[in-house]
Amino acid sequence: MTSFVLAGGCFWCLDSSFMQFRGVTDVEVGYMGGHVDNPGYEAVCGGNTGHAEVARVIFDESIIPAEVILDIFFTLHDPTQLNRQGNDVGTQYRGAMYYTDEAQHELFKAALERAKENWDGELVTEIVPAETFWMGEEYHQDFFAKNPNQGYCNAVVSPKMAKVRKAFSSFVK
């Protein structure tokens, strides 16, 4: 199994979107990239911990290639928006890819280059070394699956899920 830690706005969108695809065995949401140990959701949302909302995407490369996971990521979030995704504003919503070794670093740089073909303007998604992954609270795990009729899920999460499902239909479960 391979895992990538990715930040691209609200982690609910990343979680539910990636879970639609064959080969993705789990997505764990949490926090990375800050300066406070064991941050909680409220502190991260306050914008003072330095953490981003992230998703650790765990997948089987024999079923879904790493490049496809990363292309889904660059379809799912807008890499031209600095410290925001849509109406979600703050450094906790920044776009970032957290690499664990040089091989991941190279994969991430190649994915960023591919993404430039699909987006106008400067891409501001960061590629940075992974730090401690702090697991998010249980109620955030699989949030969409547990709360499909919640307002944010209907207005924001569902359209993002539909967008990547359409773009990568050959990999949908």
N, C-alpha and C. Protein backbone atom coordinates (compact mmCIF):
# COMPACT_ATOMS: atom_id res chain seq x y z
N MET A 1 0.84 -1.19 0.00
CA MET A 1 0.00 0.00 0.00
C MET A 1 0.88 1.25 0.00
N THR A 2 0.36 2.26 -0.65
CA THR A 2 1.01 3.56 -0.72
C THR A 2 0.11 4.58 -0.05
N SER A 3 0.70 5.60 0.54
CA SER A 3 -0.13 6.67 1.08
C SER A 3 0.48 8.02 0.73
N PHE A 4 -0.41 8.96 0.43
CA PHE A 4 -0.06 10.35 0.18
C PHE A 4 -0.82 11.20 1.18
N VAL A 5 -0.18 12.24 1.69
CA VAL A 5 -0.87 13.22 2.53
C VAL A 5 -1.04 14.48 1.69
N LEU A 6 -2.31 14.85 1.48
CA LEU A 6 -2.66 15.95 0.58
C LEU A 6 -3.59 16.94 1.28
N ALA A 7 -3.39 18.21 0.99
CA ALA A 7 -4.25 19.27 1.52
C ALA A 7 -4.82 20.05 0.34
N GLY A 8 -6.12 20.22 0.35
CA GLY A 8 -6.75 20.96 -0.75
C GLY A 8 -8.10 21.48 -0.34
N GLY A 9 -8.13 22.28 0.70
CA GLY A 9 -9.40 22.80 1.20
C GLY A 9 -9.94 21.92 2.31
N CYS A 10 -11.24 21.89 2.42
CA CYS A 10 -11.90 21.12 3.46
C CYS A 10 -11.59 19.63 3.30
N PHE A 11 -11.18 19.00 4.38
CA PHE A 11 -10.82 17.59 4.27
C PHE A 11 -12.01 16.68 4.02
N TRP A 12 -13.23 17.14 4.27
CA TRP A 12 -14.41 16.32 3.95
C TRP A 12 -14.49 16.07 2.44
N CYS A 13 -14.14 17.08 1.64
CA CYS A 13 -14.18 16.93 0.18
C CYS A 13 -13.16 15.91 -0.28
N LEU A 14 -11.96 15.98 0.25
CA LEU A 14 -10.91 15.04 -0.15
C LEU A 14 -11.29 13.62 0.24
N ASP A 15 -11.73 13.44 1.46
CA ASP A 15 -12.09 12.12 1.97
C ASP A 15 -13.14 11.46 1.07
N SER A 16 -14.27 12.09 0.93
CA SER A 16 -15.38 11.48 0.19
C SER A 16 -15.06 11.31 -1.29
N SER A 17 -14.33 12.23 -1.86
CA SER A 17 -14.00 12.14 -3.28
C SER A 17 -13.07 10.97 -3.56
N PHE A 18 -12.01 10.82 -2.79
CA PHE A 18 -11.07 9.73 -3.02
C PHE A 18 -11.68 8.36 -2.73
N MET A 19 -12.58 8.28 -1.76
CA MET A 19 -13.17 6.99 -1.41
C MET A 19 -14.04 6.41 -2.52
N GLN A 20 -14.33 7.17 -3.56
CA GLN A 20 -15.14 6.69 -4.68
C GLN A 20 -14.37 5.76 -5.62
N PHE A 21 -13.06 5.70 -5.47
CA PHE A 21 -12.24 5.05 -6.49
C PHE A 21 -11.71 3.69 -6.06
N ARG A 22 -11.73 2.76 -7.03
CA ARG A 22 -11.15 1.44 -6.83
C ARG A 22 -9.69 1.60 -6.46
N GLY A 23 -9.23 0.78 -5.55
CA GLY A 23 -7.83 0.82 -5.14
C GLY A 23 -7.58 1.72 -3.95
N VAL A 24 -8.47 2.66 -3.67
CA VAL A 24 -8.33 3.49 -2.47
C VAL A 24 -8.94 2.69 -1.32
N THR A 25 -8.10 2.28 -0.39
CA THR A 25 -8.57 1.42 0.69
C THR A 25 -9.03 2.21 1.91
N ASP A 26 -8.48 3.42 2.09
CA ASP A 26 -8.90 4.23 3.22
C ASP A 26 -8.44 5.66 3.00
N VAL A 27 -9.15 6.57 3.62
CA VAL A 27 -8.74 7.97 3.71
C VAL A 27 -8.91 8.38 5.16
N GLU A 28 -7.85 8.90 5.73
CA GLU A 28 -7.89 9.39 7.11
C GLU A 28 -7.68 10.89 7.07
N VAL A 29 -8.56 11.63 7.73
CA VAL A 29 -8.41 13.08 7.74
C VAL A 29 -7.75 13.53 9.03
N GLY A 30 -6.99 14.61 8.90
CA GLY A 30 -6.29 15.13 10.06
C GLY A 30 -5.63 16.45 9.74
N TYR A 31 -4.50 16.70 10.40
CA TYR A 31 -3.83 18.00 10.33
C TYR A 31 -2.33 17.80 10.17
N MET A 32 -1.70 18.68 9.38
CA MET A 32 -0.25 18.62 9.20
C MET A 32 0.26 20.02 8.87
N GLY A 33 1.54 20.21 9.16
CA GLY A 33 2.20 21.43 8.72
C GLY A 33 2.16 22.58 9.71
N GLY A 34 1.86 22.32 10.94
CA GLY A 34 1.78 23.40 11.91
C GLY A 34 2.84 23.33 12.99
N HIS A 35 2.66 24.16 14.00
CA HIS A 35 3.66 24.29 15.06
C HIS A 35 3.11 23.96 16.46
N VAL A 36 1.94 23.33 16.52
CA VAL A 36 1.33 22.98 17.80
C VAL A 36 1.14 21.46 17.82
N ASP A 37 1.51 20.83 18.91
CA ASP A 37 1.30 19.39 19.04
C ASP A 37 -0.17 19.07 19.25
N ASN A 38 -0.60 17.99 18.59
CA ASN A 38 -1.95 17.45 18.74
C ASN A 38 -3.05 18.52 18.65
N PRO A 39 -3.08 19.25 17.53
CA PRO A 39 -4.09 20.30 17.41
C PRO A 39 -5.49 19.70 17.23
N GLY A 40 -6.49 20.41 17.67
CA GLY A 40 -7.87 20.01 17.46
C GLY A 40 -8.49 20.87 16.38
N TYR A 41 -9.65 20.46 15.94
CA TYR A 41 -10.35 21.14 14.85
C TYR A 41 -10.58 22.62 15.13
N GLU A 42 -11.04 22.93 16.32
CA GLU A 42 -11.34 24.33 16.65
C GLU A 42 -10.07 25.19 16.58
N ALA A 43 -8.97 24.68 17.09
CA ALA A 43 -7.71 25.43 17.05
C ALA A 43 -7.22 25.61 15.63
N VAL A 44 -7.30 24.56 14.84
CA VAL A 44 -6.86 24.65 13.44
C VAL A 44 -7.73 25.65 12.68
N CYS A 45 -9.04 25.59 12.89
CA CYS A 45 -9.95 26.53 12.22
C CYS A 45 -9.72 27.97 12.65
N GLY A 46 -9.18 28.15 13.84
CA GLY A 46 -8.85 29.50 14.30
C GLY A 46 -7.70 30.11 13.53
N GLY A 47 -6.96 29.27 12.80
CA GLY A 47 -5.89 29.77 11.94
C GLY A 47 -4.59 30.09 12.64
N ASN A 48 -4.46 29.72 13.90
CA ASN A 48 -3.25 30.10 14.65
C ASN A 48 -2.27 28.96 14.88
N THR A 49 -2.59 27.74 14.42
CA THR A 49 -1.69 26.61 14.66
C THR A 49 -0.74 26.37 13.50
N GLY A 50 -1.05 26.92 12.34
CA GLY A 50 -0.24 26.70 11.15
C GLY A 50 -0.55 25.43 10.39
N HIS A 51 -1.48 24.62 10.91
CA HIS A 51 -1.80 23.36 10.26
C HIS A 51 -2.75 23.54 9.07
N ALA A 52 -2.67 22.60 8.16
CA ALA A 52 -3.63 22.48 7.07
C ALA A 52 -4.53 21.29 7.37
N GLU A 53 -5.78 21.35 6.92
CA GLU A 53 -6.63 20.18 6.93
C GLU A 53 -6.11 19.27 5.83
N VAL A 54 -5.83 18.01 6.17
CA VAL A 54 -5.24 17.09 5.20
C VAL A 54 -6.00 15.77 5.16
N ALA A 55 -5.74 15.04 4.08
CA ALA A 55 -6.26 13.68 3.95
C ALA A 55 -5.08 12.77 3.64
N ARG A 56 -4.97 11.69 4.41
CA ARG A 56 -3.98 10.65 4.10
C ARG A 56 -4.72 9.61 3.27
N VAL A 57 -4.37 9.58 1.98
CA VAL A 57 -5.03 8.69 1.02
C VAL A 57 -4.18 7.42 0.93
N ILE A 58 -4.79 6.29 1.28
CA ILE A 58 -4.10 5.00 1.28
C ILE A 58 -4.65 4.20 0.11
N PHE A 59 -3.75 3.76 -0.78
CA PHE A 59 -4.22 3.12 -2.01
C PHE A 59 -3.26 2.02 -2.47
N ASP A 60 -3.80 1.17 -3.34
CA ASP A 60 -3.07 0.06 -3.92
C ASP A 60 -2.67 0.44 -5.34
N GLU A 61 -1.39 0.67 -5.56
CA GLU A 61 -0.91 1.11 -6.87
C GLU A 61 -1.11 0.07 -7.97
N SER A 62 -1.35 -1.18 -7.61
CA SER A 62 -1.62 -2.18 -8.64
C SER A 62 -3.04 -2.03 -9.20
N ILE A 63 -3.87 -1.25 -8.52
CA ILE A 63 -5.25 -1.02 -8.96
C ILE A 63 -5.43 0.40 -9.49
N ILE A 64 -4.85 1.37 -8.81
CA ILE A 64 -4.94 2.77 -9.24
C ILE A 64 -3.54 3.39 -9.12
N PRO A 65 -2.99 3.83 -10.25
CA PRO A 65 -1.63 4.37 -10.22
C PRO A 65 -1.51 5.65 -9.38
N ALA A 66 -0.33 5.84 -8.82
CA ALA A 66 -0.06 7.05 -8.03
C ALA A 66 -0.34 8.31 -8.84
N GLU A 67 0.01 8.29 -10.11
CA GLU A 67 -0.21 9.46 -10.97
C GLU A 67 -1.69 9.80 -11.08
N VAL A 68 -2.55 8.79 -11.10
CA VAL A 68 -3.99 9.03 -11.17
C VAL A 68 -4.48 9.65 -9.87
N ILE A 69 -4.01 9.14 -8.74
CA ILE A 69 -4.38 9.74 -7.44
C ILE A 69 -4.04 11.23 -7.46
N LEU A 70 -2.86 11.57 -7.94
CA LEU A 70 -2.43 12.97 -7.94
C LEU A 70 -3.19 13.79 -8.97
N ASP A 71 -3.54 13.20 -10.11
CA ASP A 71 -4.35 13.93 -11.09
C ASP A 71 -5.76 14.17 -10.56
N ILE A 72 -6.29 13.22 -9.81
CA ILE A 72 -7.59 13.44 -9.14
C ILE A 72 -7.46 14.63 -8.19
N PHE A 73 -6.39 14.65 -7.42
CA PHE A 73 -6.16 15.75 -6.47
C PHE A 73 -6.17 17.10 -7.19
N PHE A 74 -5.49 17.18 -8.32
CA PHE A 74 -5.41 18.46 -9.04
C PHE A 74 -6.68 18.77 -9.82
N THR A 75 -7.59 17.84 -9.91
CA THR A 75 -8.91 18.11 -10.47
C THR A 75 -9.86 18.53 -9.36
N LEU A 76 -9.65 17.97 -8.19
CA LEU A 76 -10.52 18.18 -7.04
C LEU A 76 -10.36 19.55 -6.41
N HIS A 77 -9.13 20.04 -6.30
CA HIS A 77 -8.93 21.35 -5.69
C HIS A 77 -8.41 22.34 -6.73
N ASP A 78 -8.59 23.60 -6.47
CA ASP A 78 -8.12 24.65 -7.37
C ASP A 78 -6.73 25.08 -6.91
N PRO A 79 -5.70 24.65 -7.63
CA PRO A 79 -4.33 24.94 -7.20
C PRO A 79 -3.88 26.38 -7.43
N THR A 80 -4.77 27.21 -7.96
CA THR A 80 -4.42 28.62 -8.16
C THR A 80 -4.88 29.50 -7.00
N GLN A 81 -5.62 28.92 -6.05
CA GLN A 81 -6.14 29.71 -4.93
C GLN A 81 -5.20 29.58 -3.73
N LEU A 82 -4.68 30.70 -3.28
CA LEU A 82 -3.75 30.74 -2.15
C LEU A 82 -4.53 30.81 -0.84
N ASN A 83 -4.29 29.84 0.03
CA ASN A 83 -4.88 29.82 1.37
C ASN A 83 -6.40 29.89 1.35
N ARG A 84 -6.98 29.15 0.40
CA ARG A 84 -8.44 29.09 0.33
C ARG A 84 -8.85 28.03 -0.68
N GLN A 85 -10.10 27.63 -0.59
CA GLN A 85 -10.78 26.87 -1.62
C GLN A 85 -12.21 27.37 -1.59
N GLY A 86 -12.57 28.11 -2.63
CA GLY A 86 -13.91 28.69 -2.68
C GLY A 86 -14.14 29.61 -1.50
N ASN A 87 -15.23 29.35 -0.77
CA ASN A 87 -15.57 30.20 0.38
C ASN A 87 -14.85 29.80 1.66
N ASP A 88 -14.09 28.70 1.62
CA ASP A 88 -13.29 28.30 2.78
C ASP A 88 -11.97 29.06 2.70
N VAL A 89 -11.78 30.01 3.62
CA VAL A 89 -10.63 30.91 3.56
C VAL A 89 -9.78 30.76 4.82
N GLY A 90 -8.47 30.69 4.62
CA GLY A 90 -7.52 30.60 5.72
C GLY A 90 -6.41 29.64 5.36
N THR A 91 -5.29 29.76 6.06
CA THR A 91 -4.14 28.91 5.75
C THR A 91 -4.45 27.43 5.97
N GLN A 92 -5.43 27.12 6.80
CA GLN A 92 -5.80 25.72 7.02
C GLN A 92 -6.41 25.08 5.78
N TYR A 93 -6.78 25.90 4.79
CA TYR A 93 -7.38 25.39 3.55
C TYR A 93 -6.41 25.47 2.37
N ARG A 94 -5.14 25.68 2.65
CA ARG A 94 -4.15 25.79 1.57
C ARG A 94 -4.01 24.47 0.82
N GLY A 95 -3.51 24.58 -0.39
CA GLY A 95 -3.18 23.39 -1.16
C GLY A 95 -1.75 22.98 -0.86
N ALA A 96 -1.56 21.70 -0.54
CA ALA A 96 -0.21 21.23 -0.22
C ALA A 96 -0.12 19.72 -0.45
N MET A 97 1.08 19.29 -0.78
CA MET A 97 1.40 17.88 -0.93
C MET A 97 2.60 17.62 -0.03
N TYR A 98 2.48 16.67 0.88
CA TYR A 98 3.51 16.41 1.88
C TYR A 98 4.25 15.13 1.53
N TYR A 99 5.49 15.25 1.09
CA TYR A 99 6.24 14.07 0.66
C TYR A 99 7.05 13.46 1.80
N THR A 100 7.20 12.13 1.73
CA THR A 100 7.91 11.39 2.76
C THR A 100 9.31 10.96 2.32
N ASP A 101 9.56 11.00 1.01
CA ASP A 101 10.88 10.62 0.50
C ASP A 101 11.09 11.27 -0.87
N GLU A 102 12.27 11.10 -1.42
CA GLU A 102 12.60 11.76 -2.69
C GLU A 102 11.75 11.23 -3.85
N ALA A 103 11.38 9.97 -3.81
CA ALA A 103 10.53 9.41 -4.86
C ALA A 103 9.16 10.10 -4.88
N GLN A 104 8.57 10.29 -3.70
CA GLN A 104 7.29 11.03 -3.63
C GLN A 104 7.49 12.47 -4.08
N HIS A 105 8.58 13.08 -3.67
CA HIS A 105 8.86 14.46 -4.06
C HIS A 105 8.84 14.58 -5.58
N GLU A 106 9.49 13.66 -6.27
CA GLU A 106 9.54 13.68 -7.74
C GLU A 106 8.16 13.44 -8.34
N LEU A 107 7.39 12.50 -7.79
CA LEU A 107 6.02 12.26 -8.26
C LEU A 107 5.17 13.51 -8.12
N PHE A 108 5.30 14.19 -6.98
CA PHE A 108 4.51 15.38 -6.71
C PHE A 108 4.89 16.51 -7.67
N LYS A 109 6.18 16.69 -7.92
CA LYS A 109 6.61 17.73 -8.86
C LYS A 109 6.09 17.44 -10.26
N ALA A 110 6.12 16.18 -10.68
CA ALA A 110 5.61 15.82 -12.00
C ALA A 110 4.11 16.06 -12.10
N ALA A 111 3.37 15.77 -11.03
CA ALA A 111 1.92 16.01 -11.02
C ALA A 111 1.62 17.50 -11.12
N LEU A 112 2.39 18.32 -10.43
CA LEU A 112 2.22 19.77 -10.50
C LEU A 112 2.47 20.26 -11.92
N GLU A 113 3.47 19.73 -12.57
CA GLU A 113 3.75 20.10 -13.96
C GLU A 113 2.59 19.71 -14.87
N ARG A 114 2.04 18.49 -14.70
CA ARG A 114 0.89 18.07 -15.51
C ARG A 114 -0.30 18.98 -15.27
N ALA A 115 -0.50 19.39 -14.02
CA ALA A 115 -1.65 20.23 -13.67
C ALA A 115 -1.58 21.59 -14.35
N LYS A 116 -0.38 22.08 -14.63
CA LYS A 116 -0.24 23.39 -15.28
C LYS A 116 -0.93 23.43 -16.64
N GLU A 117 -1.09 22.27 -17.27
CA GLU A 117 -1.76 22.19 -18.57
C GLU A 117 -3.26 22.45 -18.45
N ASN A 118 -3.82 22.28 -17.25
CA ASN A 118 -5.27 22.37 -17.06
C ASN A 118 -5.74 23.60 -16.31
N TRP A 119 -4.81 24.41 -15.83
CA TRP A 119 -5.19 25.57 -15.03
C TRP A 119 -4.51 26.83 -15.58
N ASP A 120 -5.25 27.92 -15.60
CA ASP A 120 -4.68 29.21 -15.98
C ASP A 120 -4.14 29.88 -14.72
N GLY A 121 -3.04 30.58 -14.86
CA GLY A 121 -2.47 31.30 -13.74
C GLY A 121 -1.43 30.48 -13.01
N GLU A 122 -0.88 31.09 -11.97
CA GLU A 122 0.17 30.45 -11.18
C GLU A 122 -0.43 29.40 -10.26
N LEU A 123 0.20 28.23 -10.20
CA LEU A 123 -0.22 27.20 -9.28
C LEU A 123 0.52 27.41 -7.95
N VAL A 124 -0.24 27.49 -6.86
CA VAL A 124 0.34 27.81 -5.56
C VAL A 124 0.31 26.63 -4.59
N THR A 125 -0.10 25.47 -5.06
CA THR A 125 -0.07 24.28 -4.21
C THR A 125 1.37 24.01 -3.81
N GLU A 126 1.61 23.88 -2.51
CA GLU A 126 2.96 23.66 -1.99
C GLU A 126 3.35 22.19 -2.10
N ILE A 127 4.62 21.97 -2.29
CA ILE A 127 5.21 20.63 -2.16
C ILE A 127 6.25 20.74 -1.06
N VAL A 128 5.95 20.11 0.08
CA VAL A 128 6.79 20.29 1.27
C VAL A 128 7.00 18.95 1.97
N PRO A 129 8.09 18.85 2.75
CA PRO A 129 8.33 17.60 3.49
C PRO A 129 7.21 17.33 4.49
N ALA A 130 6.88 16.05 4.62
CA ALA A 130 5.86 15.65 5.59
C ALA A 130 6.37 15.88 7.01
N GLU A 131 5.44 16.25 7.86
CA GLU A 131 5.72 16.40 9.28
C GLU A 131 4.82 15.41 10.02
N THR A 132 4.58 15.63 11.27
CA THR A 132 3.71 14.75 12.03
C THR A 132 2.28 14.87 11.52
N PHE A 133 1.67 13.73 11.25
CA PHE A 133 0.25 13.66 10.89
C PHE A 133 -0.54 13.53 12.18
N TRP A 134 -1.40 14.50 12.42
CA TRP A 134 -2.26 14.45 13.60
C TRP A 134 -3.65 14.02 13.14
N MET A 135 -4.12 12.88 13.62
CA MET A 135 -5.42 12.35 13.22
C MET A 135 -6.52 13.31 13.65
N GLY A 136 -7.46 13.55 12.74
CA GLY A 136 -8.62 14.38 13.05
C GLY A 136 -9.59 13.64 13.96
N GLU A 137 -10.49 14.38 14.52
CA GLU A 137 -11.48 13.83 15.42
C GLU A 137 -12.35 12.79 14.68
N GLU A 138 -12.85 11.84 15.43
CA GLU A 138 -13.63 10.73 14.85
C GLU A 138 -14.82 11.25 14.04
N TYR A 139 -15.49 12.28 14.50
CA TYR A 139 -16.67 12.75 13.77
C TYR A 139 -16.33 13.33 12.40
N HIS A 140 -15.05 13.62 12.14
CA HIS A 140 -14.65 14.09 10.81
C HIS A 140 -14.32 12.95 9.86
N GLN A 141 -14.02 11.78 10.39
CA GLN A 141 -13.69 10.64 9.54
C GLN A 141 -14.96 10.18 8.81
N ASP A 142 -14.85 9.99 7.50
CA ASP A 142 -16.00 9.54 6.68
C ASP A 142 -17.21 10.45 6.86
N PHE A 143 -16.97 11.75 6.99
CA PHE A 143 -18.04 12.69 7.34
C PHE A 143 -19.18 12.66 6.33
N PHE A 144 -18.87 12.69 5.05
CA PHE A 144 -19.92 12.70 4.04
C PHE A 144 -20.76 11.43 4.10
N ALA A 145 -20.10 10.29 4.25
CA ALA A 145 -20.82 9.01 4.33
C ALA A 145 -21.79 9.00 5.50
N LYS A 146 -21.41 9.64 6.60
CA LYS A 146 -22.24 9.68 7.79
C LYS A 146 -23.31 10.79 7.73
N ASN A 147 -23.06 11.84 6.90
CA ASN A 147 -23.92 13.03 6.89
C ASN A 147 -24.22 13.51 5.47
N PRO A 148 -24.72 12.64 4.59
CA PRO A 148 -24.88 13.03 3.19
C PRO A 148 -25.88 14.16 2.96
N ASN A 149 -26.76 14.40 3.89
CA ASN A 149 -27.77 15.45 3.71
C ASN A 149 -27.42 16.75 4.41
N GLN A 150 -26.25 16.82 5.03
CA GLN A 150 -25.80 18.04 5.69
C GLN A 150 -25.62 19.12 4.63
N GLY A 151 -25.90 20.36 4.96
CA GLY A 151 -25.90 21.47 4.00
C GLY A 151 -24.60 21.64 3.24
N TYR A 152 -23.46 21.68 3.95
CA TYR A 152 -22.16 21.85 3.29
C TYR A 152 -21.90 20.68 2.35
N CYS A 153 -22.28 19.49 2.78
CA CYS A 153 -22.07 18.32 1.93
C CYS A 153 -22.83 18.45 0.62
N ASN A 154 -24.08 18.90 0.70
CA ASN A 154 -24.88 19.06 -0.52
C ASN A 154 -24.36 20.18 -1.40
N ALA A 155 -23.95 21.29 -0.81
CA ALA A 155 -23.55 22.47 -1.58
C ALA A 155 -22.13 22.39 -2.12
N VAL A 156 -21.21 21.78 -1.38
CA VAL A 156 -19.79 21.82 -1.74
C VAL A 156 -19.22 20.44 -2.03
N VAL A 157 -19.44 19.49 -1.14
CA VAL A 157 -18.81 18.18 -1.27
C VAL A 157 -19.37 17.41 -2.46
N SER A 158 -20.68 17.31 -2.58
CA SER A 158 -21.29 16.53 -3.67
C SER A 158 -20.84 16.98 -5.06
N PRO A 159 -20.82 18.29 -5.35
CA PRO A 159 -20.37 18.70 -6.69
C PRO A 159 -18.90 18.33 -6.96
N LYS A 160 -18.05 18.40 -5.94
CA LYS A 160 -16.65 18.01 -6.15
C LYS A 160 -16.55 16.51 -6.41
N MET A 161 -17.33 15.74 -5.67
CA MET A 161 -17.34 14.30 -5.89
C MET A 161 -17.78 13.98 -7.32
N ALA A 162 -18.82 14.66 -7.78
CA ALA A 162 -19.33 14.42 -9.14
C ALA A 162 -18.29 14.81 -10.19
N LYS A 163 -17.57 15.89 -9.96
CA LYS A 163 -16.57 16.35 -10.91
C LYS A 163 -15.47 15.32 -11.12
N VAL A 164 -14.92 14.79 -10.04
CA VAL A 164 -13.83 13.82 -10.19
C VAL A 164 -14.36 12.45 -10.62
N ARG A 165 -15.58 12.11 -10.22
CA ARG A 165 -16.17 10.85 -10.67
C ARG A 165 -16.31 10.85 -12.19
N LYS A 166 -16.75 11.97 -12.74
CA LYS A 166 -16.91 12.10 -14.20
C LYS A 166 -15.55 12.07 -14.90
N ALA A 167 -14.58 12.79 -14.37
CA ALA A 167 -13.27 12.91 -15.01
C ALA A 167 -12.46 11.61 -14.95
N PHE A 168 -12.70 10.78 -13.93
CA PHE A 168 -11.93 9.56 -13.75
C PHE A 168 -12.86 8.35 -13.65
N SER A 169 -13.86 8.33 -14.50
CA SER A 169 -14.92 7.30 -14.43
C SER A 169 -14.39 5.87 -14.55
N SER A 170 -13.30 5.68 -15.25
CA SER A 170 -12.78 4.31 -15.42
C SER A 170 -12.23 3.73 -14.12
N PHE A 171 -12.04 4.56 -13.11
CA PHE A 171 -11.52 4.09 -11.82
C PHE A 171 -12.58 4.07 -10.72
N VAL A 172 -13.81 4.45 -11.03
CA VAL A 172 -14.86 4.50 -10.01
C VAL A 172 -15.21 3.09 -9.55
N LYS A 173 -15.45 2.94 -8.25
CA LYS A 173 -15.84 1.62 -7.69
C LYS A 173 -17.14 1.16 -8.29
